Amino acid sequence: MRDPRTIEPSPWNANVVSHENEEKLRASIERHGMFKPILIRELPSGTLECIGGWHRAEQATELGYAEVPCMNLGEISDEKAKEISLADNARYGIDDTLKLSELLADLDTGELSMVLPWNQRDIAAITASLSVDIDDLDIDEPVLPDEEDDGEDEAPAPKVTKTHQTLRFRNTLGDAARVSDLITKTMQEQGFTKEDDLTNAGDALAFLLLKDNGDAE
């Protein structure tokens, strides 16, 4: 444990956090505490230099933390410190969209948007993968046993003609947010407001993609 006020930032930290995400990081510390240690090294002068977690150390200082958990790597070279800093800020995996959707569905996403680097629109885009259009599933109609003929032939119910198909895409969170904004804007400008939200959004997307080819209705 170290006093965060005694830790200095590294001069080559390339990780930048927006003001909005700084506030979310602060809220996360208030909600969960400092559950991840700050990575530090010792300089020959005795100075403790942060090589991972500087933004958390800053927020902890502002929140009045007298001590924060630290992992001291000792006197390591600049080259090694830079490599570890990059590794600490990197993310090696990607989320399985369905599993992430199910995880978010079990939590209060309204509160999560206050402490995670996603807004409600991002979370809505992720959890949308849980919705499935039953018409798009290739499921055979069940075969029922023949019933005794009662002498009356019932006319088969008319089959409803399918007019729409649900399409699913996977985008990065940043692209998904921009695409969502553009679709919403197009819905308003072109008057795609008479159907349900999903159909309106599909009409707007089709308009955007087909208008340059002269195919948009």
Protein backbone atom coordinates (compact mmCIF):
# COMPACT_ATOMS: atom_id res chain seq x y z
CA MET A 1 0.00 0.00 0.00
CA ARG A 2 1.26 3.46 -0.90
CA ASP A 3 0.08 7.04 -0.54
CA PRO A 4 -1.01 7.96 -4.11
CA ARG A 5 0.35 11.48 -3.56
CA THR A 6 3.87 10.05 -3.40
CA ILE A 7 3.61 8.45 -6.86
CA GLU A 8 4.75 10.34 -9.96
CA PRO A 9 3.40 9.80 -13.50
CA SER A 10 5.68 8.44 -16.19
CA PRO A 11 6.65 11.02 -18.85
CA TRP A 12 5.72 8.72 -21.73
CA ASN A 13 2.27 7.47 -20.75
CA ALA A 14 0.25 7.44 -23.99
CA ASN A 15 -3.06 6.44 -22.40
CA VAL A 16 -5.57 9.31 -22.55
CA VAL A 17 -8.95 9.26 -20.81
CA SER A 18 -11.80 11.59 -21.73
CA HIS A 19 -13.42 13.79 -19.10
CA GLU A 20 -16.58 11.65 -19.28
CA ASN A 21 -14.64 8.45 -18.64
CA GLU A 22 -12.66 10.11 -15.86
CA GLU A 23 -15.96 10.72 -14.11
CA LYS A 24 -16.97 7.10 -14.70
CA LEU A 25 -13.63 5.91 -13.34
CA ARG A 26 -14.15 8.05 -10.24
CA ALA A 27 -17.67 6.63 -9.81
CA SER A 28 -16.30 3.10 -10.21
CA ILE A 29 -13.74 3.67 -7.43
CA GLU A 30 -16.46 5.11 -5.20
CA ARG A 31 -18.66 2.09 -5.91
CA HIS A 32 -16.11 -0.74 -5.89
CA GLY A 33 -12.98 0.68 -4.27
CA MET A 34 -9.42 0.20 -5.58
CA PHE A 35 -9.71 -3.45 -6.61
CA LYS A 36 -6.82 -3.25 -9.10
CA PRO A 37 -3.29 -2.33 -7.94
CA ILE A 38 -1.26 0.54 -9.36
CA LEU A 39 1.91 -0.60 -11.15
CA ILE A 40 4.97 1.34 -10.00
CA ARG A 41 8.74 1.16 -10.31
CA GLU A 42 11.55 2.67 -8.25
CA LEU A 43 13.87 5.19 -9.91
CA PRO A 44 17.52 5.47 -8.79
CA SER A 45 16.56 8.72 -7.06
CA GLY A 46 14.06 6.83 -4.90
CA THR A 47 11.05 8.29 -6.73
CA LEU A 48 8.10 5.98 -7.23
CA GLU A 49 6.95 6.20 -10.83
CA CYS A 50 3.60 4.91 -12.08
CA ILE A 51 3.78 2.71 -15.17
CA GLY A 52 0.21 1.43 -15.05
CA GLY A 53 -2.98 2.85 -13.53
CA TRP A 54 -2.09 6.54 -13.34
CA HIS A 55 -5.67 7.70 -13.92
CA ARG A 56 -6.86 5.51 -11.06
CA ALA A 57 -4.13 6.94 -8.84
CA GLU A 58 -5.24 10.48 -9.75
CA GLN A 59 -8.88 9.79 -8.93
CA ALA A 60 -7.93 8.06 -5.68
CA THR A 61 -5.95 11.16 -4.68
CA GLU A 62 -8.92 13.42 -5.45
CA LEU A 63 -11.19 11.13 -3.42
CA GLY A 64 -8.86 11.47 -0.44
CA TYR A 65 -7.41 7.95 -0.35
CA ALA A 66 -4.47 7.84 2.05
CA GLU A 67 -3.29 4.52 0.61
CA VAL A 68 -3.85 2.54 -2.57
CA PRO A 69 -2.78 -1.03 -3.42
CA CYS A 70 0.41 -1.05 -5.49
CA MET A 71 2.63 -3.59 -7.18
CA ASN A 72 6.23 -2.40 -6.96
CA LEU A 73 8.37 -3.84 -9.76
CA GLY A 74 11.54 -2.39 -8.29
CA GLU A 75 14.32 -0.77 -10.32
CA ILE A 76 13.58 -1.83 -13.88
CA SER A 77 14.90 -0.22 -17.07
CA ASP A 78 13.02 2.40 -19.07
CA GLU A 79 12.61 -0.10 -21.92
CA LYS A 80 11.10 -2.74 -19.65
CA ALA A 81 8.87 -0.15 -17.96
CA LYS A 82 7.56 1.05 -21.33
CA GLU A 83 6.84 -2.51 -22.47
CA ILE A 84 4.93 -3.27 -19.26
CA SER A 85 3.01 0.01 -19.56
CA LEU A 86 1.88 -0.90 -23.07
CA ALA A 87 0.94 -4.42 -21.99
CA ASP A 88 -1.04 -3.06 -19.03
CA ASN A 89 -3.06 -0.71 -21.23
CA ALA A 90 -3.62 -3.27 -24.00
CA ARG A 91 -6.57 -5.63 -24.24
CA TYR A 92 -5.77 -9.01 -25.73
CA GLY A 93 -9.22 -10.53 -25.95
CA ILE A 94 -12.54 -9.63 -27.54
CA ASP A 95 -15.98 -10.14 -26.05
CA ASP A 96 -18.27 -12.94 -27.11
CA THR A 97 -21.28 -10.77 -27.97
CA LEU A 98 -23.93 -13.24 -26.82
CA LYS A 99 -22.21 -13.98 -23.50
CA LEU A 100 -21.60 -10.28 -22.90
CA SER A 101 -25.27 -9.57 -23.69
CA GLU A 102 -26.42 -12.21 -21.23
CA LEU A 103 -24.06 -10.84 -18.57
CA LEU A 104 -25.36 -7.30 -19.03
CA ALA A 105 -28.96 -8.53 -19.00
CA ASP A 106 -28.39 -9.84 -15.45
CA LEU A 107 -27.21 -6.44 -14.19
CA ASP A 108 -28.65 -2.97 -13.70
CA THR A 109 -27.37 -1.39 -16.91
CA GLY A 110 -28.60 2.03 -15.83
CA GLU A 111 -26.08 2.04 -13.00
CA LEU A 112 -23.40 0.34 -15.09
CA SER A 113 -23.44 3.18 -17.61
CA MET A 114 -22.29 5.44 -14.78
CA VAL A 115 -19.15 3.41 -13.99
CA LEU A 116 -18.19 1.67 -17.25
CA PRO A 117 -16.84 3.29 -20.46
CA TRP A 118 -20.16 2.62 -22.25
CA ASN A 119 -23.28 4.77 -22.43
CA GLN A 120 -26.85 3.50 -22.52
CA ARG A 121 -26.86 3.50 -26.31
CA ASP A 122 -23.74 1.31 -26.41
CA ILE A 123 -25.25 -1.12 -23.90
CA ALA A 124 -28.52 -1.23 -25.86
CA ALA A 125 -26.57 -2.09 -29.01
CA ILE A 126 -24.80 -4.94 -27.22
CA THR A 127 -27.89 -6.42 -25.59
CA ALA A 128 -29.80 -6.23 -28.89
CA SER A 129 -28.07 -9.49 -29.86
CA LEU A 130 -30.35 -11.29 -27.40
CA SER A 131 -33.40 -10.51 -29.55
CA VAL A 132 -34.19 -13.07 -32.23
CA ASP A 133 -36.85 -12.83 -34.92
CA ILE A 134 -38.69 -16.16 -34.75
CA ASP A 135 -39.56 -15.86 -38.46
CA ASP A 136 -35.85 -16.08 -39.28
CA LEU A 137 -35.44 -19.47 -37.61
CA ASP A 138 -35.70 -22.51 -39.85
CA ILE A 139 -38.07 -24.53 -37.69
CA ASP A 140 -40.33 -27.11 -39.30
CA GLU A 141 -44.00 -27.05 -38.45
CA PRO A 142 -44.86 -29.84 -35.99
CA VAL A 143 -46.63 -32.83 -37.55
CA LEU A 144 -49.80 -33.56 -35.61
CA PRO A 145 -51.54 -36.96 -35.67
CA ASP A 146 -54.55 -37.24 -37.94
CA GLU A 147 -57.80 -36.73 -36.12
CA GLU A 148 -60.99 -38.62 -36.90
CA ASP A 149 -62.95 -37.14 -39.76
CA ASP A 150 -66.01 -35.41 -38.36
CA GLY A 151 -67.39 -34.76 -41.79
CA GLU A 152 -66.47 -31.11 -41.89
CA ASP A 153 -63.43 -29.91 -43.75
CA GLU A 154 -61.96 -26.83 -42.18
CA ALA A 155 -60.41 -24.39 -44.58
CA PRO A 156 -56.70 -23.92 -43.88
CA ALA A 157 -55.80 -20.59 -42.35
CA PRO A 158 -54.29 -18.23 -44.92
CA LYS A 159 -50.52 -17.99 -44.70
CA VAL A 160 -49.30 -14.52 -43.90
CA THR A 161 -46.92 -13.27 -46.56
CA LYS A 162 -43.56 -12.34 -45.10
CA THR A 163 -42.61 -8.79 -46.06
CA HIS A 164 -39.60 -8.09 -43.86
CA GLN A 165 -36.43 -9.82 -42.77
CA THR A 166 -34.40 -9.02 -39.66
CA LEU A 167 -30.72 -8.47 -40.44
CA ARG A 168 -27.99 -8.64 -37.80
CA PHE A 169 -24.56 -7.02 -37.91
CA ARG A 170 -21.59 -6.73 -35.61
CA ASN A 171 -19.80 -3.37 -35.27
CA THR A 172 -17.35 -1.87 -32.85
CA LEU A 173 -19.03 0.12 -30.07
CA GLY A 174 -17.84 3.40 -31.58
CA ASP A 175 -19.14 2.58 -35.06
CA ALA A 176 -22.42 1.22 -33.64
CA ALA A 177 -23.04 4.51 -31.83
CA ARG A 178 -22.37 6.59 -34.97
CA VAL A 179 -24.50 4.34 -37.17
CA SER A 180 -27.33 4.51 -34.62
CA ASP A 181 -27.18 8.32 -34.58
CA LEU A 182 -27.21 8.49 -38.38
CA ILE A 183 -30.18 6.11 -38.64
CA THR A 184 -32.13 8.10 -36.04
CA LYS A 185 -31.39 11.35 -37.89
CA THR A 186 -32.47 9.82 -41.22
CA MET A 187 -35.70 8.48 -39.70
CA GLN A 188 -36.62 12.00 -38.62
CA GLU A 189 -35.54 13.76 -41.81
CA GLN A 190 -37.20 11.29 -44.20
CA GLY A 191 -40.34 10.71 -42.16
CA PHE A 192 -39.76 7.04 -41.39
CA THR A 193 -42.03 7.16 -38.34
CA LYS A 194 -45.22 5.33 -39.32
CA GLU A 195 -44.16 1.76 -38.52
CA ASP A 196 -42.62 0.15 -35.43
CA ASP A 197 -39.15 1.30 -34.36
CA LEU A 198 -37.35 -1.70 -35.87
CA THR A 199 -39.04 -1.26 -39.26
CA ASN A 200 -38.47 2.50 -39.22
CA ALA A 201 -34.78 1.96 -38.53
CA GLY A 202 -34.57 -0.62 -41.33
CA ASP A 203 -36.22 1.78 -43.78
CA ALA A 204 -33.75 4.48 -42.82
CA LEU A 205 -30.78 2.13 -43.25
CA ALA A 206 -32.04 0.98 -46.65
CA PHE A 207 -32.49 4.61 -47.71
CA LEU A 208 -28.92 5.48 -46.69
CA LEU A 209 -27.41 2.49 -48.50
CA LEU A 210 -29.51 2.60 -51.68
CA LYS A 211 -30.07 6.32 -52.31
CA ASP A 212 -26.85 6.79 -54.30
CA ASN A 213 -27.84 3.92 -56.61
CA GLY A 214 -31.28 5.36 -57.19
CA ASP A 215 -32.87 2.25 -55.69
CA ALA A 216 -34.30 3.79 -52.51
CA GLU A 217 -38.07 3.87 -52.56
